[in-house]
Amino acid sequence: MTPRPLKLAVVGHTNTGKTSLVRTLLRSSEFGRVADRGGTTRQVTSSTLAVGEDVLIELFDSPGLENAPELIDTLEALPGARHDGPERIARLLDDEDLRERFDHESRVLELMLQADVALYVIDAREPVLEKYQDELDILGQCGKPMIAVLNFTASPASRQAQWRDALARVRLHSVLTFDAVVRDPATETRLFEKLAGLLDEFDALITRWLEHRRNEEANRAQAALDTIADMLIDLAAFRSTAPEAGQDIVWEKMQERVRQREQACVDTLLDLYRFGREDREDEELPTSGGRWEDDPFDTETLRHYGIRTGTWTGIGAGTGAAVDVGTGGLTLGTGTLAGALIGTSAGLLRSFGKSLTARIRGKVVLMIDDATLRLLASRQIELLGALIRRGHASQTPMRASGRDLWPERRLPRTLRQARYYPEWSSLNANHRGNEERRRAVKRLCRQLERLREGV
């Protein structure tokens, strides 16, 4: 029998990053509203962390506390035992006039009485003012365990030391730094371990959630590497023949197919990490208007990445893949590709040796060159690294650094091998999947993983 879900309340002053924290825990940028101005959360909102059909944790985001000094005076004036905080809180909530007067605070207090534990989110850049100490006093009267979460501690304006001292003075020693705009699995693990330490009855449930999250992250990363490797194999093996006199027309068509292939790879990575098209538009991700801003066919783009084109003229990529990223928050299912590549790509080599570019009855063979493959691999791996670190409350754009990530100028043997197997590319008419190609994708994934670790 599955135990009941853990009820986790996220509380704190207005505009401290409560909704941002929930978004990061949910891996979803669609939860609630995030803005620089205060008071964007007006109601208690909720979501769940689940494994399959089993809801393990219920997350509750709450309105910001705004009037703690006046509220604490009101609570002290209410009848009731001096040390029976929950009784005083209940009396306030039973009084309709007081509920209306302290609308936001009443919602938070009602949530606190129903929750098993609370996260009190603090903007560590703020000075330690009496109103925050009043908030902690009021929340403490609800009689529920609480963890203080220090947000924005990476800022030069952070007052983390002062806050830790102030929290110790009110006997709140369970404190964690948690940057809500960055995904840090180690910090998230420490958060849930602290929760388990406070709530023995939920220890098995929290352990199950942490194991699920670790597996999910591993599956997600593997699916992303599979997506990039599949694209690169497609592009390395892709070829087209064209009349020698009319190859420019064929070349233009190939370029567009390559751009589509790369864009679809970008879309798949965004889907895997639960960033949608709206994130690209709103936050100016490395795509603009549905494609990368930097054209992979432009020699200036290659030069920006420090890639020499040599004697070849290169292009980019584009096809799509259907991926099972799960539903209901955070499950990847098997975490594997669930569909076939659906787009097309292209590339060109004008001088790749007689065996590949020999004129055959007035025709020439066109392929993508090494320089462009390096470019496409570099920026997909860099994008993957950024997505792995990116919290779903981040409001800053992801921008490519323009680095060539390949440690050696020469492409891996796997991609060089793919040039001789046109049937490996789903962009060719004679495409067929086989075991040898699958092994090539696996080998390339291992090489890409080493590159990603260096990003």
Protein backbone atom coordinates (compact mmCIF):
# COMPACT_ATOMS: atom_id res chain seq x y z
CA MET A 1 0.00 0.00 0.00
CA THR A 2 1.39 3.39 -1.01
CA PRO A 3 1.50 5.87 1.90
CA ARG A 4 -0.32 9.15 1.54
CA PRO A 5 1.63 11.90 -0.27
CA LEU A 6 3.90 14.23 1.64
CA LYS A 7 2.34 17.72 1.73
CA LEU A 8 5.09 20.30 1.20
CA ALA A 9 4.26 24.02 1.55
CA VAL A 10 6.50 26.71 0.02
CA VAL A 11 6.09 29.95 1.97
CA GLY A 12 7.85 33.25 2.54
CA HIS A 13 7.78 36.97 1.95
CA THR A 14 6.60 38.43 -1.35
CA ASN A 15 8.98 38.06 -4.31
CA THR A 16 11.60 35.82 -2.71
CA GLY A 17 11.47 33.11 -5.40
CA LYS A 18 8.84 30.70 -4.05
CA THR A 19 7.26 29.96 -7.44
CA SER A 20 10.72 29.73 -8.99
CA LEU A 21 11.67 27.05 -6.48
CA VAL A 22 8.53 25.05 -7.25
CA ARG A 23 9.21 25.30 -10.98
CA THR A 24 12.72 23.95 -10.50
CA LEU A 25 11.50 21.04 -8.38
CA LEU A 26 8.80 20.25 -10.94
CA ARG A 27 11.10 20.66 -13.96
CA SER A 28 8.37 22.81 -15.48
CA SER A 29 8.38 26.43 -16.60
CA GLU A 30 4.59 26.36 -16.92
CA PHE A 31 3.80 26.39 -13.20
CA GLY A 32 2.57 29.70 -11.81
CA ARG A 33 3.83 33.14 -12.74
CA VAL A 34 7.36 34.44 -12.26
CA ALA A 35 8.06 38.17 -12.39
CA ASP A 36 10.41 40.73 -10.84
CA ARG A 37 7.52 42.52 -9.19
CA GLY A 38 6.05 41.23 -5.98
CA GLY A 39 2.68 39.63 -5.37
CA THR A 40 2.39 37.65 -8.60
CA THR A 41 1.05 34.61 -6.70
CA ARG A 42 -2.39 35.49 -5.31
CA GLN A 43 -3.79 32.06 -4.52
CA VAL A 44 -2.45 28.81 -3.13
CA THR A 45 -1.55 26.68 -6.16
CA SER A 46 -0.43 23.07 -6.19
CA SER A 47 1.20 20.37 -8.27
CA THR A 48 2.57 16.89 -7.66
CA LEU A 49 5.74 14.84 -7.89
CA ALA A 50 4.80 11.34 -8.99
CA VAL A 51 6.32 8.02 -9.99
CA GLY A 52 3.99 6.40 -12.49
CA GLU A 53 0.49 6.58 -11.03
CA ASP A 54 1.77 7.07 -7.47
CA VAL A 55 1.74 10.67 -6.25
CA LEU A 56 4.57 10.92 -3.72
CA ILE A 57 4.73 14.63 -2.94
CA GLU A 58 2.20 17.44 -3.19
CA LEU A 59 3.81 20.85 -3.66
CA PHE A 60 1.91 23.97 -2.61
CA ASP A 61 2.96 27.46 -3.68
CA SER A 62 1.53 30.29 -1.58
CA PRO A 63 0.97 34.06 -1.71
CA GLY A 64 3.69 36.18 -0.20
CA LEU A 65 3.47 37.34 3.41
CA GLU A 66 3.22 41.14 3.46
CA ASN A 67 1.83 42.32 6.80
CA ALA A 68 3.53 40.23 9.47
CA PRO A 69 4.19 43.02 12.02
CA GLU A 70 0.50 43.91 12.30
CA LEU A 71 -0.54 40.25 12.20
CA ILE A 72 1.72 39.23 15.08
CA ASP A 73 0.27 42.00 17.23
CA THR A 74 -3.22 40.76 16.38
CA LEU A 75 -2.34 37.16 17.25
CA GLU A 76 -0.91 38.17 20.61
CA ALA A 77 -4.15 39.99 21.42
CA LEU A 78 -6.29 36.91 20.75
CA PRO A 79 -7.36 34.76 23.72
CA GLY A 80 -5.69 31.39 24.17
CA ALA A 81 -2.80 29.75 25.93
CA ARG A 82 0.50 31.62 25.55
CA HIS A 83 2.35 28.66 24.08
CA ASP A 84 -0.48 27.16 22.03
CA GLY A 85 0.31 28.72 18.69
CA PRO A 86 -1.95 26.47 16.58
CA GLU A 87 -4.92 27.44 18.77
CA ARG A 88 -4.26 31.15 18.20
CA ILE A 89 -3.88 30.57 14.46
CA ALA A 90 -7.18 28.65 14.40
CA ARG A 91 -8.96 31.48 16.22
CA LEU A 92 -7.73 33.98 13.65
CA LEU A 93 -8.86 31.79 10.76
CA ASP A 94 -12.31 31.36 12.34
CA ASP A 95 -12.81 35.14 12.44
CA GLU A 96 -14.18 36.28 9.06
CA ASP A 97 -13.25 39.91 9.65
CA LEU A 98 -9.67 39.01 10.48
CA ARG A 99 -9.45 36.64 7.49
CA GLU A 100 -10.51 39.47 5.21
CA ARG A 101 -8.14 41.91 6.85
CA PHE A 102 -5.18 39.52 6.50
CA ASP A 103 -6.23 37.86 3.27
CA HIS A 104 -2.83 36.65 2.00
CA GLU A 105 -1.55 35.72 5.43
CA SER A 106 -4.71 33.73 6.20
CA ARG A 107 -4.25 31.65 3.06
CA VAL A 108 -0.67 30.88 4.05
CA LEU A 109 -1.58 29.98 7.63
CA GLU A 110 -4.40 27.71 6.52
CA LEU A 111 -1.95 25.95 4.22
CA MET A 112 0.59 25.62 7.03
CA LEU A 113 -1.91 23.87 9.29
CA GLN A 114 -2.63 21.32 6.54
CA ALA A 115 0.96 20.74 5.44
CA ASP A 116 3.45 18.21 6.81
CA VAL A 117 6.45 20.50 6.40
CA ALA A 118 7.27 23.94 4.99
CA LEU A 119 10.08 25.53 3.03
CA TYR A 120 10.55 29.16 4.07
CA VAL A 121 12.17 30.88 1.06
CA ILE A 122 14.44 33.85 1.76
CA ASP A 123 15.96 36.32 -0.67
CA ALA A 124 19.47 36.31 0.78
CA ARG A 125 20.16 39.71 -0.80
CA GLU A 126 17.65 41.35 1.54
CA PRO A 127 18.74 42.73 4.92
CA VAL A 128 17.54 40.85 7.98
CA LEU A 129 14.58 43.02 8.97
CA GLU A 130 12.18 42.66 11.87
CA LYS A 131 9.27 41.89 9.55
CA TYR A 132 11.00 38.69 8.42
CA GLN A 133 11.59 37.67 12.03
CA ASP A 134 7.89 38.30 12.66
CA GLU A 135 7.04 36.02 9.72
CA LEU A 136 9.16 33.23 11.14
CA ASP A 137 7.53 33.69 14.56
CA ILE A 138 4.03 33.48 13.03
CA LEU A 139 4.82 30.45 10.88
CA GLY A 140 6.47 28.78 13.86
CA GLN A 141 3.18 29.08 15.76
CA CYS A 142 1.62 26.66 13.27
CA GLY A 143 3.59 23.86 14.90
CA LYS A 144 5.00 22.37 11.69
CA PRO A 145 8.65 21.55 10.88
CA MET A 146 10.31 24.05 8.61
CA ILE A 147 13.45 24.37 6.48
CA ALA A 148 14.86 27.78 5.57
CA VAL A 149 15.88 28.02 1.90
CA LEU A 150 18.35 30.80 1.11
CA ASN A 151 17.83 31.94 -2.48
CA PHE A 152 20.12 34.14 -4.63
CA THR A 153 23.18 33.30 -2.54
CA ALA A 154 25.45 33.56 -5.61
CA SER A 155 24.72 37.28 -5.86
CA PRO A 156 27.47 39.69 -4.73
CA ALA A 157 24.77 41.32 -2.60
CA SER A 158 24.08 38.11 -0.68
CA ARG A 159 23.85 38.41 3.11
CA GLN A 160 23.99 34.68 3.70
CA ALA A 161 26.08 34.88 6.89
CA GLN A 162 23.74 37.41 8.51
CA TRP A 163 20.72 35.32 7.60
CA ARG A 164 22.20 32.14 9.03
CA ASP A 165 22.92 33.95 12.27
CA ALA A 166 19.39 35.40 12.40
CA LEU A 167 17.81 31.99 11.74
CA ALA A 168 19.86 30.40 14.51
CA ARG A 169 18.57 33.07 16.91
CA VAL A 170 15.00 31.93 16.25
CA ARG A 171 16.08 28.28 16.64
CA LEU A 172 15.74 27.46 12.95
CA HIS A 173 18.89 25.47 12.24
CA SER A 174 17.76 23.52 9.20
CA VAL A 175 19.04 25.80 6.43
CA LEU A 176 19.84 25.14 2.76
CA THR A 177 21.13 27.29 -0.07
CA PHE A 178 19.16 26.61 -3.26
CA ASP A 179 19.47 28.73 -6.38
CA ALA A 180 16.01 28.40 -7.94
CA VAL A 181 17.17 29.26 -11.46
CA VAL A 182 19.84 26.53 -11.61
CA ARG A 183 19.28 22.79 -11.71
CA ASP A 184 21.72 21.29 -9.25
CA PRO A 185 20.96 17.61 -8.51
CA ALA A 186 23.29 17.58 -5.50
CA THR A 187 21.51 20.52 -3.84
CA GLU A 188 18.11 19.05 -4.60
CA THR A 189 19.20 15.74 -3.07
CA ARG A 190 20.32 17.54 0.10
CA LEU A 191 16.93 19.26 0.30
CA PHE A 192 15.01 16.00 0.23
CA GLU A 193 17.48 14.37 2.63
CA LYS A 194 16.80 17.19 5.09
CA LEU A 195 13.08 16.57 4.66
CA ALA A 196 13.59 12.88 5.37
CA GLY A 197 15.55 13.76 8.51
CA LEU A 198 12.66 15.88 9.78
CA LEU A 199 9.91 13.41 8.80
CA ASP A 200 10.76 9.82 9.69
CA GLU A 201 7.37 8.56 8.55
CA PHE A 202 8.06 9.74 5.00
CA ASP A 203 11.63 8.43 4.77
CA ALA A 204 10.80 5.52 2.42
CA LEU A 205 8.68 7.77 0.21
CA ILE A 206 11.43 10.39 -0.12
CA THR A 207 14.03 7.69 -0.81
CA ARG A 208 11.85 6.36 -3.60
CA TRP A 209 11.50 9.83 -5.10
CA LEU A 210 15.27 10.45 -5.05
CA GLU A 211 15.94 7.12 -6.75
CA HIS A 212 13.35 7.95 -9.40
CA ARG A 213 14.85 11.39 -9.99
CA ARG A 214 18.36 9.96 -10.41
CA ASN A 215 17.12 7.38 -12.93
CA GLU A 216 15.08 10.00 -14.73
CA GLU A 217 18.04 12.33 -15.11
CA ALA A 218 20.25 9.52 -16.41
CA ASN A 219 17.59 8.41 -18.92
CA ARG A 220 17.00 11.98 -20.03
CA ALA A 221 20.69 12.62 -20.63
CA GLN A 222 21.06 9.34 -22.53
CA ALA A 223 18.07 10.14 -24.74
CA ALA A 224 19.59 13.56 -25.47
CA LEU A 225 22.94 12.05 -26.44
CA ASP A 226 21.13 9.49 -28.63
CA THR A 227 19.34 12.36 -30.37
CA ILE A 228 22.57 14.25 -31.11
CA ALA A 229 24.46 11.12 -32.19
CA ASP A 230 21.60 10.08 -34.46
CA MET A 231 21.63 13.48 -36.13
CA LEU A 232 25.40 13.40 -36.69
CA ILE A 233 25.31 9.89 -38.15
CA ASP A 234 22.48 10.98 -40.44
CA LEU A 235 24.49 13.95 -41.63
CA ALA A 236 27.82 12.18 -42.06
CA ALA A 237 26.19 9.43 -44.15
CA PHE A 238 23.92 11.71 -46.13
CA ARG A 239 24.76 12.27 -49.78
CA SER A 240 23.14 13.48 -52.94
CA THR A 241 24.03 13.37 -56.61
CA ALA A 242 23.54 16.31 -58.92
CA PRO A 243 24.30 17.26 -62.49
CA GLU A 244 27.65 18.98 -62.58
CA ALA A 245 26.17 21.99 -64.30
CA GLY A 246 23.18 22.25 -61.96
CA GLN A 247 24.60 21.33 -58.60
CA ASP A 248 23.95 24.77 -57.07
CA ILE A 249 20.19 24.16 -57.19
CA VAL A 250 20.56 20.79 -55.50
CA TRP A 251 22.94 22.36 -53.00
CA GLU A 252 20.40 24.99 -51.94
CA LYS A 253 17.78 22.31 -51.32
CA MET A 254 20.27 20.29 -49.32
CA GLN A 255 21.10 23.31 -47.18
CA GLU A 256 17.48 23.82 -46.19
CA ARG A 257 17.06 20.13 -45.33
CA VAL A 258 20.16 20.32 -43.14
CA ARG A 259 18.86 23.38 -41.30
CA GLN A 260 15.59 21.55 -40.67
CA ARG A 261 17.47 18.53 -39.35
CA GLU A 262 19.41 20.59 -36.88
CA GLN A 263 16.35 22.55 -35.76
CA ALA A 264 14.47 19.33 -35.09
CA CYS A 265 17.37 18.11 -32.96
CA VAL A 266 17.15 21.37 -30.97
CA ASP A 267 13.40 20.89 -30.55
CA THR A 268 13.90 17.35 -29.30
CA LEU A 269 16.45 18.47 -26.69
CA LEU A 270 14.11 21.24 -25.53
CA ASP A 271 11.26 18.74 -25.26
CA LEU A 272 13.37 16.32 -23.26
CA TYR A 273 14.24 19.00 -20.72
CA ARG A 274 10.72 20.43 -20.79
CA PHE A 275 11.45 23.72 -22.46
CA GLY A 276 8.97 24.54 -25.22
CA ARG A 277 8.77 26.86 -28.20
CA GLU A 278 7.59 29.66 -25.95
CA ASP A 279 10.86 29.44 -24.03
CA ARG A 280 12.79 29.96 -27.24
CA GLU A 281 10.78 33.02 -28.16
CA ASP A 282 10.45 34.57 -24.73
CA GLU A 283 13.98 33.95 -23.54
CA GLU A 284 15.88 34.24 -26.79
CA LEU A 285 17.40 30.78 -26.84
CA PRO A 286 20.00 30.11 -29.53
CA THR A 287 17.22 29.83 -32.09
CA SER A 288 15.32 32.71 -33.62
CA GLY A 289 12.23 32.42 -35.76
CA GLY A 290 12.42 28.64 -35.69
CA ARG A 291 16.11 28.22 -36.52
CA TRP A 292 19.57 28.99 -35.19
CA GLU A 293 20.66 32.58 -35.55
CA ASP A 294 24.10 31.53 -36.80
CA ASP A 295 23.91 29.89 -40.21
CA PRO A 296 26.08 26.76 -40.27
CA PHE A 297 26.81 27.40 -43.93
CA ASP A 298 28.38 30.78 -43.25
CA THR A 299 32.18 30.68 -43.14
CA GLU A 300 32.04 33.43 -40.49
CA THR A 301 30.05 31.10 -38.23
CA LEU A 302 32.68 28.41 -38.62
CA ARG A 303 35.44 30.95 -37.96
CA HIS A 304 33.57 32.13 -34.84
CA TYR A 305 33.77 28.57 -33.51
CA GLY A 306 37.46 28.38 -34.36
CA ILE A 307 36.84 25.76 -37.05
CA ARG A 308 38.88 25.77 -40.25
CA THR A 309 37.01 24.70 -43.34
CA GLY A 310 40.02 23.42 -45.23
CA THR A 311 39.19 22.62 -48.86
CA TRP A 312 35.59 21.61 -48.26
CA THR A 313 32.40 23.61 -48.30
CA GLY A 314 30.07 22.60 -45.48
CA ILE A 315 26.45 22.89 -44.41
CA GLY A 316 24.17 22.08 -41.48
CA ALA A 317 21.32 19.72 -40.52
CA GLY A 318 17.63 19.07 -39.70
CA THR A 319 15.20 16.22 -38.97
CA GLY A 320 12.97 15.38 -36.08
CA ALA A 321 12.51 12.55 -33.62
CA ALA A 322 9.55 11.60 -31.49
CA VAL A 323 10.61 11.14 -27.88
CA ASP A 324 8.67 9.74 -24.97
CA VAL A 325 9.18 12.37 -22.28
CA GLY A 326 6.30 11.19 -20.13
CA THR A 327 3.35 13.08 -18.71
CA GLY A 328 2.03 14.27 -15.38
CA GLY A 329 5.28 15.71 -14.30
CA LEU A 330 8.59 14.36 -14.56
CA THR A 331 8.48 10.80 -15.80
CA LEU A 332 10.38 9.90 -18.90
CA GLY A 333 8.85 6.48 -19.30
CA THR A 334 11.58 4.40 -20.85
CA GLY A 335 13.48 7.54 -21.70
CA THR A 336 14.14 6.28 -25.22
CA LEU A 337 13.36 7.49 -28.67
CA ALA A 338 9.86 6.41 -29.57
CA GLY A 339 9.69 7.40 -33.20
CA ALA A 340 11.64 7.54 -36.41
CA LEU A 341 13.46 10.56 -37.77
CA ILE A 342 10.98 12.58 -39.77
CA GLY A 343 12.93 15.35 -41.47
CA THR A 344 15.71 15.69 -43.95
CA SER A 345 19.27 16.96 -44.02
CA ALA A 346 22.04 17.72 -46.37
CA GLY A 347 25.72 18.50 -46.67
CA LEU A 348 28.39 19.03 -49.29
CA LEU A 349 31.91 17.93 -50.03
CA ARG A 350 33.29 19.28 -53.25
CA SER A 351 36.66 17.58 -52.86
CA PHE A 352 36.40 14.46 -50.74
CA GLY A 353 38.53 12.17 -52.85
CA LYS A 354 37.76 10.45 -56.09
CA SER A 355 35.92 7.56 -54.43
CA LEU A 356 33.17 9.88 -53.21
CA THR A 357 33.13 12.82 -55.58
CA ALA A 358 34.10 11.20 -58.86
CA ARG A 359 32.12 12.50 -61.75
CA ILE A 360 29.83 9.76 -62.98
CA ARG A 361 28.33 10.52 -66.35
CA GLY A 362 28.38 14.24 -65.70
CA LYS A 363 27.16 14.04 -62.08
CA VAL A 364 28.85 14.83 -58.78
CA VAL A 365 28.30 13.40 -55.27
CA LEU A 366 27.62 16.02 -52.57
CA MET A 367 28.14 15.43 -48.84
CA ILE A 368 28.42 17.41 -45.63
CA ASP A 369 31.99 18.28 -44.65
CA ASP A 370 33.96 17.81 -41.44
CA ALA A 371 33.97 21.48 -40.48
CA THR A 372 30.19 21.69 -40.43
CA LEU A 373 29.83 18.42 -38.54
CA ARG A 374 32.16 19.83 -35.88
CA LEU A 375 30.10 23.00 -35.70
CA LEU A 376 26.78 21.18 -35.38
CA ALA A 377 28.13 18.76 -32.78
CA SER A 378 29.69 21.58 -30.74
CA ARG A 379 26.61 23.70 -30.43
CA GLN A 380 24.26 20.78 -29.76
CA ILE A 381 26.52 19.52 -26.97
CA GLU A 382 26.79 23.04 -25.58
CA LEU A 383 23.01 23.41 -25.69
CA LEU A 384 22.62 20.09 -23.87
CA GLY A 385 25.03 21.22 -21.15
CA ALA A 386 23.07 24.46 -20.72
CA LEU A 387 19.75 22.62 -20.51
CA ILE A 388 21.07 20.22 -17.87
CA ARG A 389 22.07 23.16 -15.66
CA ARG A 390 19.09 25.39 -16.41
CA GLY A 391 16.37 25.81 -13.82
CA HIS A 392 12.84 26.24 -15.10
CA ALA A 393 12.52 29.60 -13.40
CA SER A 394 15.48 31.07 -15.29
CA GLN A 395 14.70 34.33 -17.04
CA THR A 396 18.08 34.81 -18.72
CA PRO A 397 18.79 33.67 -22.29
CA MET A 398 21.05 30.75 -23.14
CA ARG A 399 23.75 31.82 -25.55
CA ALA A 400 26.35 29.73 -27.30
CA SER A 401 29.95 30.52 -26.37
CA GLY A 402 31.20 29.81 -29.87
CA ARG A 403 33.69 27.13 -28.79
CA ASP A 404 34.82 24.20 -30.91
CA LEU A 405 34.41 21.33 -28.45
CA TRP A 406 36.22 18.61 -30.39
CA PRO A 407 39.60 18.02 -28.72
CA GLU A 408 41.16 17.02 -32.06
CA ARG A 409 40.65 18.52 -35.47
CA ARG A 410 39.92 15.14 -37.00
CA LEU A 411 36.40 13.77 -36.62
CA PRO A 412 35.84 10.56 -34.62
CA ARG A 413 36.32 7.34 -36.54
CA THR A 414 32.61 6.58 -36.19
CA LEU A 415 31.61 9.64 -38.24
CA ARG A 416 34.34 9.05 -40.79
CA GLN A 417 33.09 5.48 -41.11
CA ALA A 418 29.51 6.68 -41.63
CA ARG A 419 30.55 8.44 -44.84
CA TYR A 420 30.92 5.05 -46.52
CA TYR A 421 27.45 3.83 -45.48
CA PRO A 422 24.81 6.01 -47.15
CA GLU A 423 22.13 3.55 -46.01
CA TRP A 424 22.81 4.73 -42.43
CA SER A 425 21.21 8.12 -43.12
CA SER A 426 17.45 8.47 -42.88
CA LEU A 427 17.87 11.34 -45.31
CA ASN A 428 18.82 8.98 -48.13
CA ALA A 429 16.30 7.05 -50.19
CA ASN A 430 18.04 3.73 -49.52
CA HIS A 431 18.01 4.19 -45.73
CA ARG A 432 17.63 1.12 -43.59
CA GLY A 433 18.32 0.72 -39.91
CA ASN A 434 20.64 -2.11 -38.98
CA GLU A 435 22.61 -3.37 -36.01
CA GLU A 436 25.87 -1.91 -37.28
CA ARG A 437 24.36 1.57 -37.36
CA ARG A 438 22.95 1.14 -33.85
CA ARG A 439 26.40 0.17 -32.62
CA ALA A 440 27.84 3.24 -34.33
CA VAL A 441 25.32 5.48 -32.54
CA LYS A 442 26.26 3.91 -29.20
CA ARG A 443 29.97 4.44 -29.85
CA LEU A 444 29.37 8.05 -30.80
CA CYS A 445 27.22 8.58 -27.69
CA ARG A 446 30.14 7.59 -25.49
CA GLN A 447 32.38 10.09 -27.27
CA LEU A 448 29.75 12.82 -27.00
CA GLU A 449 29.35 12.15 -23.30
CA ARG A 450 33.05 12.87 -22.78
CA LEU A 451 32.63 16.11 -24.68
CA ARG A 452 29.57 17.06 -22.63
CA GLU A 453 31.40 16.49 -19.37
CA GLY A 454 33.92 19.08 -20.48
CA VAL A 455 31.32 21.76 -21.19
